[in-house]
Amino acid sequence: QYNNRGQTLFNSEDTSSYIKHGYVGNSDVYSIINYILHTVAQVEIDV
């Protein structure tokens, strides 16, 4: 009810920081996510 149409709603989470410090800056997180992505890339999708 308090939103005005056309108003920009900013994300309170610092998502840029998640990329810079969480993914790029942390080797454990980087390895886990890359392992998931490598698995996802091998999934065949028939459209």
ModelCIF file with pLDDT and N, C-alpha, C, O atoms, coordinates in Angstrom:
data_MODEL
#
_entry.id   MODEL 
#
_entity.id                         1 
_entity.type                       polymer 
_entity.pdbx_number_of_molecules   1 
#
_entity_poly.entity_id                      1 
_entity_poly.type                           'polypeptide(L)' 
_entity_poly.nstd_linkage                   no 
_entity_poly.nstd_monomer                   no 
_entity_poly.pdbx_seq_one_letter_code       QYNNRGQTLFNSEDTSSYIKHGYVGNSDVYSIINYILHTVAQVEIDV 
_entity_poly.pdbx_seq_one_letter_code_can   QYNNRGQTLFNSEDTSSYIKHGYVGNSDVYSIINYILHTVAQVEIDV 
_entity_poly.pdbx_strand_id                 A 
#
loop_
_entity_poly_seq.entity_id 
_entity_poly_seq.num 
_entity_poly_seq.mon_id 
_entity_poly_seq.hetero 
1 1  GLN n 
1 2  TYR n 
1 3  ASN n 
1 4  ASN n 
1 5  ARG n 
1 6  GLY n 
1 7  GLN n 
1 8  THR n 
1 9  LEU n 
1 10 PHE n 
1 11 ASN n 
1 12 SER n 
1 13 GLU n 
1 14 ASP n 
1 15 THR n 
1 16 SER n 
1 17 SER n 
1 18 TYR n 
1 19 ILE n 
1 20 LYS n 
1 21 HIS n 
1 22 GLY n 
1 23 TYR n 
1 24 VAL n 
1 25 GLY n 
1 26 ASN n 
1 27 SER n 
1 28 ASP n 
1 29 VAL n 
1 30 TYR n 
1 31 SER n 
1 32 ILE n 
1 33 ILE n 
1 34 ASN n 
1 35 TYR n 
1 36 ILE n 
1 37 LEU n 
1 38 HIS n 
1 39 THR n 
1 40 VAL n 
1 41 ALA n 
1 42 GLN n 
1 43 VAL n 
1 44 GLU n 
1 45 ILE n 
1 46 ASP n 
1 47 VAL n 
#
_struct_asym.id          A 
_struct_asym.entity_id   1 
#
loop_
_ma_qa_metric.id 
_ma_qa_metric.mode 
_ma_qa_metric.name 
_ma_qa_metric.software_group_id 
_ma_qa_metric.type 
1 global pLDDT . pLDDT 
2 local  pLDDT . pLDDT 
#
_ma_qa_metric_global.metric_id      1 
_ma_qa_metric_global.metric_value   90.47 
_ma_qa_metric_global.model_id       1 
_ma_qa_metric_global.ordinal_id     1 
#
loop_
_ma_qa_metric_local.label_asym_id 
_ma_qa_metric_local.label_comp_id 
_ma_qa_metric_local.label_seq_id 
_ma_qa_metric_local.metric_id 
_ma_qa_metric_local.metric_value 
_ma_qa_metric_local.model_id 
_ma_qa_metric_local.ordinal_id 
A GLN 1  2 84.00 1 1  
A TYR 2  2 81.00 1 2  
A ASN 3  2 85.00 1 3  
A ASN 4  2 87.00 1 4  
A ARG 5  2 90.00 1 5  
A GLY 6  2 91.00 1 6  
A GLN 7  2 91.00 1 7  
A THR 8  2 91.00 1 8  
A LEU 9  2 92.00 1 9  
A PHE 10 2 90.00 1 10 
A ASN 11 2 90.00 1 11 
A SER 12 2 86.00 1 12 
A GLU 13 2 87.00 1 13 
A ASP 14 2 88.00 1 14 
A THR 15 2 92.00 1 15 
A SER 16 2 92.00 1 16 
A SER 17 2 90.00 1 17 
A TYR 18 2 92.00 1 18 
A ILE 19 2 94.00 1 19 
A LYS 20 2 91.00 1 20 
A HIS 21 2 88.00 1 21 
A GLY 22 2 90.00 1 22 
A TYR 23 2 93.00 1 23 
A VAL 24 2 93.00 1 24 
A GLY 25 2 90.00 1 25 
A ASN 26 2 90.00 1 26 
A SER 27 2 91.00 1 27 
A ASP 28 2 90.00 1 28 
A VAL 29 2 92.00 1 29 
A TYR 30 2 95.00 1 30 
A SER 31 2 96.00 1 31 
A ILE 32 2 94.00 1 32 
A ILE 33 2 96.00 1 33 
A ASN 34 2 96.00 1 34 
A TYR 35 2 97.00 1 35 
A ILE 36 2 97.00 1 36 
A LEU 37 2 96.00 1 37 
A HIS 38 2 95.00 1 38 
A THR 39 2 95.00 1 39 
A VAL 40 2 92.00 1 40 
A ALA 41 2 92.00 1 41 
A GLN 42 2 91.00 1 42 
A VAL 43 2 88.00 1 43 
A GLU 44 2 85.00 1 44 
A ILE 45 2 83.00 1 45 
A ASP 46 2 81.00 1 46 
A VAL 47 2 82.00 1 47 
#
loop_
_atom_site.group_PDB 
_atom_site.id 
_atom_site.type_symbol 
_atom_site.label_atom_id 
_atom_site.label_alt_id 
_atom_site.label_comp_id 
_atom_site.label_asym_id 
_atom_site.label_entity_id 
_atom_site.label_seq_id 
_atom_site.pdbx_PDB_ins_code 
_atom_site.Cartn_x 
_atom_site.Cartn_y 
_atom_site.Cartn_z 
_atom_site.occupancy 
_atom_site.B_iso_or_equiv 
_atom_site.pdbx_formal_charge 
_atom_site.auth_seq_id 
_atom_site.auth_comp_id 
_atom_site.auth_asym_id 
_atom_site.auth_atom_id 
_atom_site.pdbx_PDB_model_num 
ATOM 1   N N  . GLN A 1 1  ? 0.798  -1.226  0.000   1.00 84.00 ? 1  GLN A N  1 
ATOM 2   C CA . GLN A 1 1  ? 0.000  0.000   0.000   1.00 84.00 ? 1  GLN A CA 1 
ATOM 3   C C  . GLN A 1 1  ? 0.831  1.276   0.000   1.00 84.00 ? 1  GLN A C  1 
ATOM 4   O O  . GLN A 1 1  ? 0.357  2.323   -0.440  1.00 84.00 ? 1  GLN A O  1 
ATOM 5   N N  . TYR A 1 2  ? 2.062  1.197   0.488   1.00 81.00 ? 2  TYR A N  1 
ATOM 6   C CA . TYR A 1 2  ? 2.886  2.402   0.565   1.00 81.00 ? 2  TYR A CA 1 
ATOM 7   C C  . TYR A 1 2  ? 3.775  2.601   -0.662  1.00 81.00 ? 2  TYR A C  1 
ATOM 8   O O  . TYR A 1 2  ? 4.512  3.583   -0.746  1.00 81.00 ? 2  TYR A O  1 
ATOM 9   N N  . ASN A 1 3  ? 3.704  1.674   -1.606  1.00 85.00 ? 3  ASN A N  1 
ATOM 10  C CA . ASN A 1 3  ? 4.474  1.819   -2.835  1.00 85.00 ? 3  ASN A CA 1 
ATOM 11  C C  . ASN A 1 3  ? 3.747  2.746   -3.802  1.00 85.00 ? 3  ASN A C  1 
ATOM 12  O O  . ASN A 1 3  ? 2.529  2.661   -3.957  1.00 85.00 ? 3  ASN A O  1 
ATOM 13  N N  . ASN A 1 4  ? 4.496  3.623   -4.447  1.00 87.00 ? 4  ASN A N  1 
ATOM 14  C CA . ASN A 1 4  ? 3.937  4.500   -5.475  1.00 87.00 ? 4  ASN A CA 1 
ATOM 15  C C  . ASN A 1 4  ? 4.302  3.944   -6.846  1.00 87.00 ? 4  ASN A C  1 
ATOM 16  O O  . ASN A 1 4  ? 5.460  3.613   -7.099  1.00 87.00 ? 4  ASN A O  1 
ATOM 17  N N  . ARG A 1 5  ? 3.314  3.842   -7.729  1.00 90.00 ? 5  ARG A N  1 
ATOM 18  C CA . ARG A 1 5  ? 3.558  3.292   -9.064  1.00 90.00 ? 5  ARG A CA 1 
ATOM 19  C C  . ARG A 1 5  ? 4.681  4.063   -9.751  1.00 90.00 ? 5  ARG A C  1 
ATOM 20  O O  . ARG A 1 5  ? 4.661  5.292   -9.801  1.00 90.00 ? 5  ARG A O  1 
ATOM 21  N N  . GLY A 1 6  ? 5.647  3.340   -10.272 1.00 91.00 ? 6  GLY A N  1 
ATOM 22  C CA . GLY A 1 6  ? 6.790  3.963   -10.932 1.00 91.00 ? 6  GLY A CA 1 
ATOM 23  C C  . GLY A 1 6  ? 7.976  4.187   -10.013 1.00 91.00 ? 6  GLY A C  1 
ATOM 24  O O  . GLY A 1 6  ? 9.059  4.563   -10.462 1.00 91.00 ? 6  GLY A O  1 
ATOM 25  N N  . GLN A 1 7  ? 7.767  3.954   -8.725  1.00 91.00 ? 7  GLN A N  1 
ATOM 26  C CA . GLN A 1 7  ? 8.847  4.130   -7.747  1.00 91.00 ? 7  GLN A CA 1 
ATOM 27  C C  . GLN A 1 7  ? 9.853  2.990   -7.862  1.00 91.00 ? 7  GLN A C  1 
ATOM 28  O O  . GLN A 1 7  ? 9.471  1.830   -8.017  1.00 91.00 ? 7  GLN A O  1 
ATOM 29  N N  . THR A 1 8  ? 11.137 3.325   -7.785  1.00 91.00 ? 8  THR A N  1 
ATOM 30  C CA . THR A 1 8  ? 12.170 2.298   -7.816  1.00 91.00 ? 8  THR A CA 1 
ATOM 31  C C  . THR A 1 8  ? 12.310 1.674   -6.437  1.00 91.00 ? 8  THR A C  1 
ATOM 32  O O  . THR A 1 8  ? 12.516 2.380   -5.449  1.00 91.00 ? 8  THR A O  1 
ATOM 33  N N  . LEU A 1 9  ? 12.198 0.358   -6.368  1.00 92.00 ? 9  LEU A N  1 
ATOM 34  C CA . LEU A 1 9  ? 12.321 -0.364  -5.104  1.00 92.00 ? 9  LEU A CA 1 
ATOM 35  C C  . LEU A 1 9  ? 13.715 -0.968  -5.028  1.00 92.00 ? 9  LEU A C  1 
ATOM 36  O O  . LEU A 1 9  ? 14.024 -1.935  -5.725  1.00 92.00 ? 9  LEU A O  1 
ATOM 37  N N  . PHE A 1 10 ? 14.548 -0.393  -4.178  1.00 90.00 ? 10 PHE A N  1 
ATOM 38  C CA . PHE A 1 10 ? 15.937 -0.842  -4.087  1.00 90.00 ? 10 PHE A CA 1 
ATOM 39  C C  . PHE A 1 10 ? 16.045 -2.064  -3.176  1.00 90.00 ? 10 PHE A C  1 
ATOM 40  O O  . PHE A 1 10 ? 15.404 -2.145  -2.128  1.00 90.00 ? 10 PHE A O  1 
ATOM 41  N N  . ASN A 1 11 ? 16.864 -2.998  -3.607  1.00 90.00 ? 11 ASN A N  1 
ATOM 42  C CA . ASN A 1 11 ? 17.108 -4.212  -2.836  1.00 90.00 ? 11 ASN A CA 1 
ATOM 43  C C  . ASN A 1 11 ? 17.994 -3.871  -1.642  1.00 90.00 ? 11 ASN A C  1 
ATOM 44  O O  . ASN A 1 11 ? 19.079 -3.317  -1.813  1.00 90.00 ? 11 ASN A O  1 
ATOM 45  N N  . SER A 1 12 ? 17.539 -4.197  -0.443  1.00 86.00 ? 12 SER A N  1 
ATOM 46  C CA . SER A 1 12 ? 18.319 -3.882  0.755   1.00 86.00 ? 12 SER A CA 1 
ATOM 47  C C  . SER A 1 12 ? 19.530 -4.793  0.900   1.00 86.00 ? 12 SER A C  1 
ATOM 48  O O  . SER A 1 12 ? 20.462 -4.481  1.642   1.00 86.00 ? 12 SER A O  1 
ATOM 49  N N  . GLU A 1 13 ? 19.516 -5.923  0.190   1.00 87.00 ? 13 GLU A N  1 
ATOM 50  C CA . GLU A 1 13 ? 20.682 -6.804  0.206   1.00 87.00 ? 13 GLU A CA 1 
ATOM 51  C C  . GLU A 1 13 ? 21.746 -6.251  -0.744  1.00 87.00 ? 13 GLU A C  1 
ATOM 52  O O  . GLU A 1 13 ? 21.436 -5.800  -1.847  1.00 87.00 ? 13 GLU A O  1 
ATOM 53  N N  . ASP A 1 14 ? 22.994 -6.294  -0.303  1.00 88.00 ? 14 ASP A N  1 
ATOM 54  C CA . ASP A 1 14 ? 24.105 -5.812  -1.126  1.00 88.00 ? 14 ASP A CA 1 
ATOM 55  C C  . ASP A 1 14 ? 24.552 -6.941  -2.051  1.00 88.00 ? 14 ASP A C  1 
ATOM 56  O O  . ASP A 1 14 ? 25.534 -7.631  -1.778  1.00 88.00 ? 14 ASP A O  1 
ATOM 57  N N  . THR A 1 15 ? 23.824 -7.117  -3.141  1.00 92.00 ? 15 THR A N  1 
ATOM 58  C CA . THR A 1 15 ? 24.108 -8.237  -4.033  1.00 92.00 ? 15 THR A CA 1 
ATOM 59  C C  . THR A 1 15 ? 25.455 -8.100  -4.743  1.00 92.00 ? 15 THR A C  1 
ATOM 60  O O  . THR A 1 15 ? 26.082 -9.104  -5.079  1.00 92.00 ? 15 THR A O  1 
ATOM 61  N N  . SER A 1 16 ? 25.901 -6.871  -4.970  1.00 92.00 ? 16 SER A N  1 
ATOM 62  C CA . SER A 1 16 ? 27.232 -6.679  -5.575  1.00 92.00 ? 16 SER A CA 1 
ATOM 63  C C  . SER A 1 16 ? 28.320 -7.199  -4.640  1.00 92.00 ? 16 SER A C  1 
ATOM 64  O O  . SER A 1 16 ? 29.335 -7.737  -5.080  1.00 92.00 ? 16 SER A O  1 
ATOM 65  N N  . SER A 1 17 ? 28.085 -7.027  -3.345  1.00 90.00 ? 17 SER A N  1 
ATOM 66  C CA . SER A 1 17 ? 29.042 -7.521  -2.349  1.00 90.00 ? 17 SER A CA 1 
ATOM 67  C C  . SER A 1 17 ? 29.062 -9.048  -2.332  1.00 90.00 ? 17 SER A C  1 
ATOM 68  O O  . SER A 1 17 ? 30.111 -9.653  -2.111  1.00 90.00 ? 17 SER A O  1 
ATOM 69  N N  . TYR A 1 18 ? 27.903 -9.673  -2.565  1.00 92.00 ? 18 TYR A N  1 
ATOM 70  C CA . TYR A 1 18 ? 27.855 -11.133 -2.613  1.00 92.00 ? 18 TYR A CA 1 
ATOM 71  C C  . TYR A 1 18 ? 28.730 -11.655 -3.744  1.00 92.00 ? 18 TYR A C  1 
ATOM 72  O O  . TYR A 1 18 ? 29.388 -12.686 -3.607  1.00 92.00 ? 18 TYR A O  1 
ATOM 73  N N  . ILE A 1 19 ? 28.732 -10.931 -4.864  1.00 94.00 ? 19 ILE A N  1 
ATOM 74  C CA . ILE A 1 19 ? 29.549 -11.351 -6.000  1.00 94.00 ? 19 ILE A CA 1 
ATOM 75  C C  . ILE A 1 19 ? 31.031 -11.111 -5.718  1.00 94.00 ? 19 ILE A C  1 
ATOM 76  O O  . ILE A 1 19 ? 31.862 -11.991 -5.944  1.00 94.00 ? 19 ILE A O  1 
ATOM 77  N N  . LYS A 1 20 ? 31.358 -9.911  -5.221  1.00 91.00 ? 20 LYS A N  1 
ATOM 78  C CA . LYS A 1 20 ? 32.750 -9.532  -5.020  1.00 91.00 ? 20 LYS A CA 1 
ATOM 79  C C  . LYS A 1 20 ? 33.406 -10.272 -3.860  1.00 91.00 ? 20 LYS A C  1 
ATOM 80  O O  . LYS A 1 20 ? 34.523 -10.774 -3.986  1.00 91.00 ? 20 LYS A O  1 
ATOM 81  N N  . HIS A 1 21 ? 32.706 -10.335 -2.737  1.00 88.00 ? 21 HIS A N  1 
ATOM 82  C CA . HIS A 1 21 ? 33.309 -10.927 -1.538  1.00 88.00 ? 21 HIS A CA 1 
ATOM 83  C C  . HIS A 1 21 ? 32.853 -12.362 -1.284  1.00 88.00 ? 21 HIS A C  1 
ATOM 84  O O  . HIS A 1 21 ? 33.622 -13.189 -0.793  1.00 88.00 ? 21 HIS A O  1 
ATOM 85  N N  . GLY A 1 22 ? 31.582 -12.653 -1.626  1.00 90.00 ? 22 GLY A N  1 
ATOM 86  C CA . GLY A 1 22 ? 31.078 -13.998 -1.364  1.00 90.00 ? 22 GLY A CA 1 
ATOM 87  C C  . GLY A 1 22 ? 31.505 -15.015 -2.395  1.00 90.00 ? 22 GLY A C  1 
ATOM 88  O O  . GLY A 1 22 ? 31.889 -16.131 -2.045  1.00 90.00 ? 22 GLY A O  1 
ATOM 89  N N  . TYR A 1 23 ? 31.444 -14.639 -3.690  1.00 93.00 ? 23 TYR A N  1 
ATOM 90  C CA . TYR A 1 23 ? 31.785 -15.579 -4.763  1.00 93.00 ? 23 TYR A CA 1 
ATOM 91  C C  . TYR A 1 23 ? 33.234 -15.442 -5.200  1.00 93.00 ? 23 TYR A C  1 
ATOM 92  O O  . TYR A 1 23 ? 34.003 -16.402 -5.136  1.00 93.00 ? 23 TYR A O  1 
ATOM 93  N N  . VAL A 1 24 ? 33.606 -14.246 -5.646  1.00 93.00 ? 24 VAL A N  1 
ATOM 94  C CA . VAL A 1 24 ? 34.968 -14.035 -6.146  1.00 93.00 ? 24 VAL A CA 1 
ATOM 95  C C  . VAL A 1 24 ? 35.996 -14.062 -5.013  1.00 93.00 ? 24 VAL A C  1 
ATOM 96  O O  . VAL A 1 24 ? 37.104 -14.567 -5.191  1.00 93.00 ? 24 VAL A O  1 
ATOM 97  N N  . GLY A 1 25 ? 35.629 -13.521 -3.850  1.00 90.00 ? 25 GLY A N  1 
ATOM 98  C CA . GLY A 1 25 ? 36.597 -13.370 -2.762  1.00 90.00 ? 25 GLY A CA 1 
ATOM 99  C C  . GLY A 1 25 ? 36.681 -14.522 -1.792  1.00 90.00 ? 25 GLY A C  1 
ATOM 100 O O  . GLY A 1 25 ? 37.449 -14.459 -0.833  1.00 90.00 ? 25 GLY A O  1 
ATOM 101 N N  . ASN A 1 26 ? 35.909 -15.584 -2.012  1.00 90.00 ? 26 ASN A N  1 
ATOM 102 C CA . ASN A 1 26 ? 35.948 -16.717 -1.080  1.00 90.00 ? 26 ASN A CA 1 
ATOM 103 C C  . ASN A 1 26 ? 36.099 -18.006 -1.877  1.00 90.00 ? 26 ASN A C  1 
ATOM 104 O O  . ASN A 1 26 ? 35.207 -18.385 -2.636  1.00 90.00 ? 26 ASN A O  1 
ATOM 105 N N  . SER A 1 27 ? 37.216 -18.664 -1.700  1.00 91.00 ? 27 SER A N  1 
ATOM 106 C CA . SER A 1 27 ? 37.524 -19.847 -2.510  1.00 91.00 ? 27 SER A CA 1 
ATOM 107 C C  . SER A 1 27 ? 36.561 -21.000 -2.248  1.00 91.00 ? 27 SER A C  1 
ATOM 108 O O  . SER A 1 27 ? 36.271 -21.780 -3.155  1.00 91.00 ? 27 SER A O  1 
ATOM 109 N N  . ASP A 1 28 ? 36.060 -21.118 -1.010  1.00 90.00 ? 28 ASP A N  1 
ATOM 110 C CA . ASP A 1 28 ? 35.129 -22.203 -0.693  1.00 90.00 ? 28 ASP A CA 1 
ATOM 111 C C  . ASP A 1 28 ? 33.802 -22.005 -1.434  1.00 90.00 ? 28 ASP A C  1 
ATOM 112 O O  . ASP A 1 28 ? 33.288 -22.928 -2.066  1.00 90.00 ? 28 ASP A O  1 
ATOM 113 N N  . VAL A 1 29 ? 33.261 -20.790 -1.347  1.00 92.00 ? 29 VAL A N  1 
ATOM 114 C CA . VAL A 1 29 ? 31.998 -20.482 -2.026  1.00 92.00 ? 29 VAL A CA 1 
ATOM 115 C C  . VAL A 1 29 ? 32.169 -20.621 -3.530  1.00 92.00 ? 29 VAL A C  1 
ATOM 116 O O  . VAL A 1 29 ? 31.307 -21.173 -4.215  1.00 92.00 ? 29 VAL A O  1 
ATOM 117 N N  . TYR A 1 30 ? 33.282 -20.117 -4.037  1.00 95.00 ? 30 TYR A N  1 
ATOM 118 C CA . TYR A 1 30 ? 33.570 -20.199 -5.475  1.00 95.00 ? 30 TYR A CA 1 
ATOM 119 C C  . TYR A 1 30 ? 33.579 -21.660 -5.946  1.00 95.00 ? 30 TYR A C  1 
ATOM 120 O O  . TYR A 1 30 ? 33.006 -21.983 -6.987  1.00 95.00 ? 30 TYR A O  1 
ATOM 121 N N  . SER A 1 31 ? 34.229 -22.536 -5.176  1.00 96.00 ? 31 SER A N  1 
ATOM 122 C CA . SER A 1 31 ? 34.334 -23.939 -5.570  1.00 96.00 ? 31 SER A CA 1 
ATOM 123 C C  . SER A 1 31 ? 32.981 -24.635 -5.535  1.00 96.00 ? 31 SER A C  1 
ATOM 124 O O  . SER A 1 31 ? 32.659 -25.419 -6.428  1.00 96.00 ? 31 SER A O  1 
ATOM 125 N N  . ILE A 1 32 ? 32.186 -24.349 -4.501  1.00 94.00 ? 32 ILE A N  1 
ATOM 126 C CA . ILE A 1 32 ? 30.871 -24.987 -4.366  1.00 94.00 ? 32 ILE A CA 1 
ATOM 127 C C  . ILE A 1 32 ? 29.947 -24.573 -5.515  1.00 94.00 ? 32 ILE A C  1 
ATOM 128 O O  . ILE A 1 32 ? 29.311 -25.417 -6.147  1.00 94.00 ? 32 ILE A O  1 
ATOM 129 N N  . ILE A 1 33 ? 29.882 -23.270 -5.775  1.00 96.00 ? 33 ILE A N  1 
ATOM 130 C CA . ILE A 1 33 ? 29.003 -22.777 -6.827  1.00 96.00 ? 33 ILE A CA 1 
ATOM 131 C C  . ILE A 1 33 ? 29.459 -23.263 -8.196  1.00 96.00 ? 33 ILE A C  1 
ATOM 132 O O  . ILE A 1 33 ? 28.637 -23.641 -9.031  1.00 96.00 ? 33 ILE A O  1 
ATOM 133 N N  . ASN A 1 34 ? 30.764 -23.254 -8.425  1.00 96.00 ? 34 ASN A N  1 
ATOM 134 C CA . ASN A 1 34 ? 31.266 -23.725 -9.721  1.00 96.00 ? 34 ASN A CA 1 
ATOM 135 C C  . ASN A 1 34 ? 30.978 -25.211 -9.935  1.00 96.00 ? 34 ASN A C  1 
ATOM 136 O O  . ASN A 1 34 ? 30.729 -25.643 -11.060 1.00 96.00 ? 34 ASN A O  1 
ATOM 137 N N  . TYR A 1 35 ? 31.011 -25.977 -8.870  1.00 97.00 ? 35 TYR A N  1 
ATOM 138 C CA . TYR A 1 35 ? 30.690 -27.405 -8.975  1.00 97.00 ? 35 TYR A CA 1 
ATOM 139 C C  . TYR A 1 35 ? 29.222 -27.570 -9.395  1.00 97.00 ? 35 TYR A C  1 
ATOM 140 O O  . TYR A 1 35 ? 28.904 -28.389 -10.256 1.00 97.00 ? 35 TYR A O  1 
ATOM 141 N N  . ILE A 1 36 ? 28.341 -26.786 -8.780  1.00 97.00 ? 36 ILE A N  1 
ATOM 142 C CA . ILE A 1 36 ? 26.919 -26.832 -9.141  1.00 97.00 ? 36 ILE A CA 1 
ATOM 143 C C  . ILE A 1 36 ? 26.728 -26.418 -10.597 1.00 97.00 ? 36 ILE A C  1 
ATOM 144 O O  . ILE A 1 36 ? 25.987 -27.066 -11.338 1.00 97.00 ? 36 ILE A O  1 
ATOM 145 N N  . LEU A 1 37 ? 27.396 -25.338 -11.007 1.00 96.00 ? 37 LEU A N  1 
ATOM 146 C CA . LEU A 1 37 ? 27.241 -24.827 -12.373 1.00 96.00 ? 37 LEU A CA 1 
ATOM 147 C C  . LEU A 1 37 ? 27.775 -25.809 -13.402 1.00 96.00 ? 37 LEU A C  1 
ATOM 148 O O  . LEU A 1 37 ? 27.203 -25.959 -14.482 1.00 96.00 ? 37 LEU A O  1 
ATOM 149 N N  . HIS A 1 38 ? 28.864 -26.472 -13.070 1.00 95.00 ? 38 HIS A N  1 
ATOM 150 C CA . HIS A 1 38 ? 29.429 -27.474 -13.978 1.00 95.00 ? 38 HIS A CA 1 
ATOM 151 C C  . HIS A 1 38 ? 28.428 -28.611 -14.184 1.00 95.00 ? 38 HIS A C  1 
ATOM 152 O O  . HIS A 1 38 ? 28.280 -29.126 -15.293 1.00 95.00 ? 38 HIS A O  1 
ATOM 153 N N  . THR A 1 39 ? 27.742 -28.997 -13.104 1.00 95.00 ? 39 THR A N  1 
ATOM 154 C CA . THR A 1 39 ? 26.737 -30.059 -13.192 1.00 95.00 ? 39 THR A CA 1 
ATOM 155 C C  . THR A 1 39 ? 25.542 -29.602 -14.016 1.00 95.00 ? 39 THR A C  1 
ATOM 156 O O  . THR A 1 39 ? 25.030 -30.348 -14.850 1.00 95.00 ? 39 THR A O  1 
ATOM 157 N N  . VAL A 1 40 ? 25.102 -28.366 -13.776 1.00 92.00 ? 40 VAL A N  1 
ATOM 158 C CA . VAL A 1 40 ? 23.964 -27.810 -14.506 1.00 92.00 ? 40 VAL A CA 1 
ATOM 159 C C  . VAL A 1 40 ? 24.253 -27.742 -16.008 1.00 92.00 ? 40 VAL A C  1 
ATOM 160 O O  . VAL A 1 40 ? 23.380 -28.024 -16.828 1.00 92.00 ? 40 VAL A O  1 
ATOM 161 N N  . ALA A 1 41 ? 25.469 -27.371 -16.354 1.00 92.00 ? 41 ALA A N  1 
ATOM 162 C CA . ALA A 1 41 ? 25.839 -27.208 -17.760 1.00 92.00 ? 41 ALA A CA 1 
ATOM 163 C C  . ALA A 1 41 ? 25.742 -28.508 -18.536 1.00 92.00 ? 41 ALA A C  1 
ATOM 164 O O  . ALA A 1 41 ? 25.585 -28.491 -19.757 1.00 92.00 ? 41 ALA A O  1 
ATOM 165 N N  . GLN A 1 42 ? 25.834 -29.637 -17.840 1.00 91.00 ? 42 GLN A N  1 
ATOM 166 C CA . GLN A 1 42 ? 25.794 -30.937 -18.507 1.00 91.00 ? 42 GLN A CA 1 
ATOM 167 C C  . GLN A 1 42 ? 24.377 -31.469 -18.697 1.00 91.00 ? 42 GLN A C  1 
ATOM 168 O O  . GLN A 1 42 ? 24.164 -32.470 -19.381 1.00 91.00 ? 42 GLN A O  1 
ATOM 169 N N  . VAL A 1 43 ? 23.416 -30.788 -18.085 1.00 88.00 ? 43 VAL A N  1 
ATOM 170 C CA . VAL A 1 43 ? 22.024 -31.228 -18.237 1.00 88.00 ? 43 VAL A CA 1 
ATOM 171 C C  . VAL A 1 43 ? 21.533 -30.891 -19.644 1.00 88.00 ? 43 VAL A C  1 
ATOM 172 O O  . VAL A 1 43 ? 21.602 -29.737 -20.066 1.00 88.00 ? 43 VAL A O  1 
ATOM 173 N N  . GLU A 1 44 ? 21.044 -31.882 -20.360 1.00 85.00 ? 44 GLU A N  1 
ATOM 174 C CA . GLU A 1 44 ? 20.553 -31.674 -21.715 1.00 85.00 ? 44 GLU A CA 1 
ATOM 175 C C  . GLU A 1 44 ? 19.089 -31.253 -21.683 1.00 85.00 ? 44 GLU A C  1 
ATOM 176 O O  . GLU A 1 44 ? 18.267 -31.892 -21.026 1.00 85.00 ? 44 GLU A O  1 
ATOM 177 N N  . ILE A 1 45 ? 18.770 -30.188 -22.385 1.00 83.00 ? 45 ILE A N  1 
ATOM 178 C CA . ILE A 1 45 ? 17.403 -29.680 -22.460 1.00 83.00 ? 45 ILE A CA 1 
ATOM 179 C C  . ILE A 1 45 ? 16.913 -29.786 -23.897 1.00 83.00 ? 45 ILE A C  1 
ATOM 180 O O  . ILE A 1 45 ? 17.534 -29.270 -24.826 1.00 83.00 ? 45 ILE A O  1 
ATOM 181 N N  . ASP A 1 46 ? 15.797 -30.460 -24.054 1.00 81.00 ? 46 ASP A N  1 
ATOM 182 C CA . ASP A 1 46 ? 15.203 -30.633 -25.380 1.00 81.00 ? 46 ASP A CA 1 
ATOM 183 C C  . ASP A 1 46 ? 13.978 -29.725 -25.460 1.00 81.00 ? 46 ASP A C  1 
ATOM 184 O O  . ASP A 1 46 ? 12.960 -29.997 -24.823 1.00 81.00 ? 46 ASP A O  1 
ATOM 185 N N  . VAL A 1 47 ? 14.073 -28.660 -26.231 1.00 82.00 ? 47 VAL A N  1 
ATOM 186 C CA . VAL A 1 47 ? 12.998 -27.673 -26.322 1.00 82.00 ? 47 VAL A CA 1 
ATOM 187 C C  . VAL A 1 47 ? 12.066 -28.028 -27.479 1.00 82.00 ? 47 VAL A C  1 
ATOM 188 O O  . VAL A 1 47 ? 11.091 -27.319 -27.726 1.00 82.00 ? 47 VAL A O  1 
#
